[in-house]
């Protein structure tokens, strides 16, 4: 399942290498910026819905060795026919062309 693609943000580029040189208030502001940016480009609700629909997540642990599928819980969240739980927001991922175009505008090089 596709949850989104997060393009680079110029203000955050290279921040990891500058953490020791950056004051706490600036780091907090950048963390908020990163979270908001991530949320704009990724279907977070879909990630949580799919995780909640996973049988092992519903039990809190993987089945014990030797118990097989019988150890998995019955019932739980209903899963859509496509194999994923319905998301609560209307996330629309960008097309490959839109992502490629945006990446090129941000300076990405092709051929990854």
C-alpha atoms as a PDB file:
ATOM      1  CA  UNK A   1       0.000   0.000   0.000  1.00  0.00           C
ATOM      2  CA  UNK A   2       1.197   3.514  -0.813  1.00  0.00           C
ATOM      3  CA  UNK A   3       1.078   6.120   1.986  1.00  0.00           C
ATOM      4  CA  UNK A   4       2.797   9.050   0.278  1.00  0.00           C
ATOM      5  CA  UNK A   5       6.143  10.584  -0.585  1.00  0.00           C
ATOM      6  CA  UNK A   6       7.720  13.314   1.534  1.00  0.00           C
ATOM      7  CA  UNK A   7       9.700  15.850  -0.496  1.00  0.00           C
ATOM      8  CA  UNK A   8      12.691  17.583   1.051  1.00  0.00           C
ATOM      9  CA  UNK A   9      12.226  20.932   2.746  1.00  0.00           C
ATOM     10  CA  UNK A  10      15.094  23.371   2.227  1.00  0.00           C
ATOM     11  CA  UNK A  11      14.841  24.688   5.817  1.00  0.00           C
ATOM     12  CA  UNK A  12      15.301  21.175   7.224  1.00  0.00           C
ATOM     13  CA  UNK A  13      17.947  19.940   4.790  1.00  0.00           C
ATOM     14  CA  UNK A  14      21.131  19.030   6.684  1.00  0.00           C
ATOM     15  CA  UNK A  15      19.613  19.762  10.102  1.00  0.00           C
ATOM     16  CA  UNK A  16      20.776  16.466  11.580  1.00  0.00           C
ATOM     17  CA  UNK A  17      24.387  17.539  11.126  1.00  0.00           C
ATOM     18  CA  UNK A  18      23.682  20.948  12.725  1.00  0.00           C
ATOM     19  CA  UNK A  19      21.709  19.845  15.796  1.00  0.00           C
ATOM     20  CA  UNK A  20      24.539  20.568  18.241  1.00  0.00           C
ATOM     21  CA  UNK A  21      24.877  24.093  16.805  1.00  0.00           C
ATOM     22  CA  UNK A  22      21.130  24.879  16.837  1.00  0.00           C
ATOM     23  CA  UNK A  23      19.341  26.339  19.861  1.00  0.00           C
ATOM     24  CA  UNK A  24      16.462  24.484  21.505  1.00  0.00           C
ATOM     25  CA  UNK A  25      13.722  26.901  20.396  1.00  0.00           C
ATOM     26  CA  UNK A  26      14.810  26.670  16.749  1.00  0.00           C
ATOM     27  CA  UNK A  27      14.923  22.861  16.988  1.00  0.00           C
ATOM     28  CA  UNK A  28      11.399  22.791  18.407  1.00  0.00           C
ATOM     29  CA  UNK A  29      10.128  25.043  15.604  1.00  0.00           C
ATOM     30  CA  UNK A  30      11.816  22.838  13.005  1.00  0.00           C
ATOM     31  CA  UNK A  31      10.338  19.717  14.600  1.00  0.00           C
ATOM     32  CA  UNK A  32       6.864  21.237  14.283  1.00  0.00           C
ATOM     33  CA  UNK A  33       7.599  22.208  10.677  1.00  0.00           C
ATOM     34  CA  UNK A  34       8.770  18.664   9.940  1.00  0.00           C
ATOM     35  CA  UNK A  35       5.665  17.102  11.513  1.00  0.00           C
ATOM     36  CA  UNK A  36       3.309  19.416   9.614  1.00  0.00           C
ATOM     37  CA  UNK A  37       5.169  18.838   6.345  1.00  0.00           C
ATOM     38  CA  UNK A  38       5.135  15.061   6.853  1.00  0.00           C
ATOM     39  CA  UNK A  39       1.400  15.150   7.603  1.00  0.00           C
ATOM     40  CA  UNK A  40       0.660  17.050   4.391  1.00  0.00           C
ATOM     41  CA  UNK A  41       2.299  14.397   2.218  1.00  0.00           C
ATOM     42  CA  UNK A  42       1.625  11.122   4.034  1.00  0.00           C
ATOM     43  CA  UNK A  43      -1.647   9.311   4.721  1.00  0.00           C
ATOM     44  CA  UNK A  44      -1.063   8.980   8.475  1.00  0.00           C
ATOM     45  CA  UNK A  45      -4.654   7.913   9.114  1.00  0.00           C
ATOM     46  CA  UNK A  46      -4.182   5.123   6.571  1.00  0.00           C
ATOM     47  CA  UNK A  47      -1.009   3.941   8.307  1.00  0.00           C
ATOM     48  CA  UNK A  48      -2.776   3.752  11.667  1.00  0.00           C
ATOM     49  CA  UNK A  49      -5.881   2.140  10.158  1.00  0.00           C
ATOM     50  CA  UNK A  50      -3.800  -0.550   8.460  1.00  0.00           C
ATOM     51  CA  UNK A  51      -1.787  -1.105  11.637  1.00  0.00           C
ATOM     52  CA  UNK A  52      -4.992  -1.440  13.677  1.00  0.00           C
ATOM     53  CA  UNK A  53      -6.368  -3.938  11.156  1.00  0.00           C
ATOM     54  CA  UNK A  54      -3.253  -6.104  11.444  1.00  0.00           C
ATOM     55  CA  UNK A  55      -4.114  -9.222  13.494  1.00  0.00           C
ATOM     56  CA  UNK A  56      -0.886  -9.121  15.508  1.00  0.00           C
ATOM     57  CA  UNK A  57      -1.456  -5.493  16.467  1.00  0.00           C
ATOM     58  CA  UNK A  58      -4.943  -6.320  17.749  1.00  0.00           C
ATOM     59  CA  UNK A  59      -3.526  -8.898  20.188  1.00  0.00           C
ATOM     60  CA  UNK A  60      -0.546  -6.817  21.248  1.00  0.00           C
ATOM     61  CA  UNK A  61       1.883  -9.614  20.373  1.00  0.00           C
ATOM     62  CA  UNK A  62       2.716 -12.147  17.723  1.00  0.00           C
ATOM     63  CA  UNK A  63       1.213 -15.622  18.173  1.00  0.00           C
ATOM     64  CA  UNK A  64       3.313 -18.024  20.204  1.00  0.00           C
ATOM     65  CA  UNK A  65       5.514 -20.401  18.277  1.00  0.00           C
ATOM     66  CA  UNK A  66       3.554 -23.476  17.248  1.00  0.00           C
ATOM     67  CA  UNK A  67       0.083 -21.969  17.714  1.00  0.00           C
ATOM     68  CA  UNK A  68      -0.232 -20.851  14.089  1.00  0.00           C
ATOM     69  CA  UNK A  69      -3.208 -18.857  12.896  1.00  0.00           C
ATOM     70  CA  UNK A  70      -5.438 -20.230  15.649  1.00  0.00           C
ATOM     71  CA  UNK A  71      -3.811 -17.763  18.053  1.00  0.00           C
ATOM     72  CA  UNK A  72      -4.962 -14.766  16.023  1.00  0.00           C
ATOM     73  CA  UNK A  73      -8.002 -12.888  17.366  1.00  0.00           C
ATOM     74  CA  UNK A  74     -11.436 -13.217  15.830  1.00  0.00           C
ATOM     75  CA  UNK A  75     -13.294 -10.108  14.691  1.00  0.00           C
ATOM     76  CA  UNK A  76     -11.584  -6.747  15.077  1.00  0.00           C
ATOM     77  CA  UNK A  77     -11.602  -3.862  12.634  1.00  0.00           C
ATOM     78  CA  UNK A  78     -13.354  -4.530   9.357  1.00  0.00           C
ATOM     79  CA  UNK A  79     -10.992  -4.445   6.391  1.00  0.00           C
ATOM     80  CA  UNK A  80     -12.111  -3.104   3.013  1.00  0.00           C
ATOM     81  CA  UNK A  81     -12.167  -5.449   0.045  1.00  0.00           C
ATOM     82  CA  UNK A  82      -8.996  -3.823  -1.288  1.00  0.00           C
ATOM     83  CA  UNK A  83      -7.117  -5.172   1.726  1.00  0.00           C
ATOM     84  CA  UNK A  84      -6.817  -1.914   3.607  1.00  0.00           C
ATOM     85  CA  UNK A  85      -8.926  -0.302   6.279  1.00  0.00           C
ATOM     86  CA  UNK A  86     -10.789   2.826   5.193  1.00  0.00           C
ATOM     87  CA  UNK A  87      -8.968   6.031   6.092  1.00  0.00           C
ATOM     88  CA  UNK A  88     -10.814   8.727   8.013  1.00  0.00           C
ATOM     89  CA  UNK A  89      -9.612  11.580   5.824  1.00  0.00           C
ATOM     90  CA  UNK A  90      -9.642  11.953   2.068  1.00  0.00           C
ATOM     91  CA  UNK A  91      -5.932  11.543   1.350  1.00  0.00           C
ATOM     92  CA  UNK A  92      -5.141  11.664  -2.345  1.00  0.00           C
ATOM     93  CA  UNK A  93      -1.556  10.720  -3.162  1.00  0.00           C
ATOM     94  CA  UNK A  94       0.140  12.579  -5.980  1.00  0.00           C
ATOM     95  CA  UNK A  95       0.743  10.818  -9.259  1.00  0.00           C
ATOM     96  CA  UNK A  96       4.233   9.602 -10.131  1.00  0.00           C
ATOM     97  CA  UNK A  97       4.524  12.474 -12.615  1.00  0.00           C
ATOM     98  CA  UNK A  98       3.553  15.055  -9.980  1.00  0.00           C
ATOM     99  CA  UNK A  99       6.048  13.632  -7.481  1.00  0.00           C
ATOM    100  CA  UNK A 100       8.799  13.538 -10.122  1.00  0.00           C
ATOM    101  CA  UNK A 101       8.085  17.123 -11.169  1.00  0.00           C
ATOM    102  CA  UNK A 102       8.094  18.382  -7.574  1.00  0.00           C
ATOM    103  CA  UNK A 103      11.293  16.465  -6.829  1.00  0.00           C
ATOM    104  CA  UNK A 104      13.058  17.975  -9.860  1.00  0.00           C
ATOM    105  CA  UNK A 105      11.984  21.467  -8.774  1.00  0.00           C
ATOM    106  CA  UNK A 106      13.614  20.755  -5.410  1.00  0.00           C
ATOM    107  CA  UNK A 107      16.859  19.707  -7.106  1.00  0.00           C
ATOM    108  CA  UNK A 108      16.532  15.913  -7.093  1.00  0.00           C
ATOM    109  CA  UNK A 109      18.554  14.004  -9.652  1.00  0.00           C
ATOM    110  CA  UNK A 110      17.011  11.078 -11.530  1.00  0.00           C
ATOM    111  CA  UNK A 111      18.177   7.490 -11.784  1.00  0.00           C
ATOM    112  CA  UNK A 112      17.949   6.597  -8.046  1.00  0.00           C
END
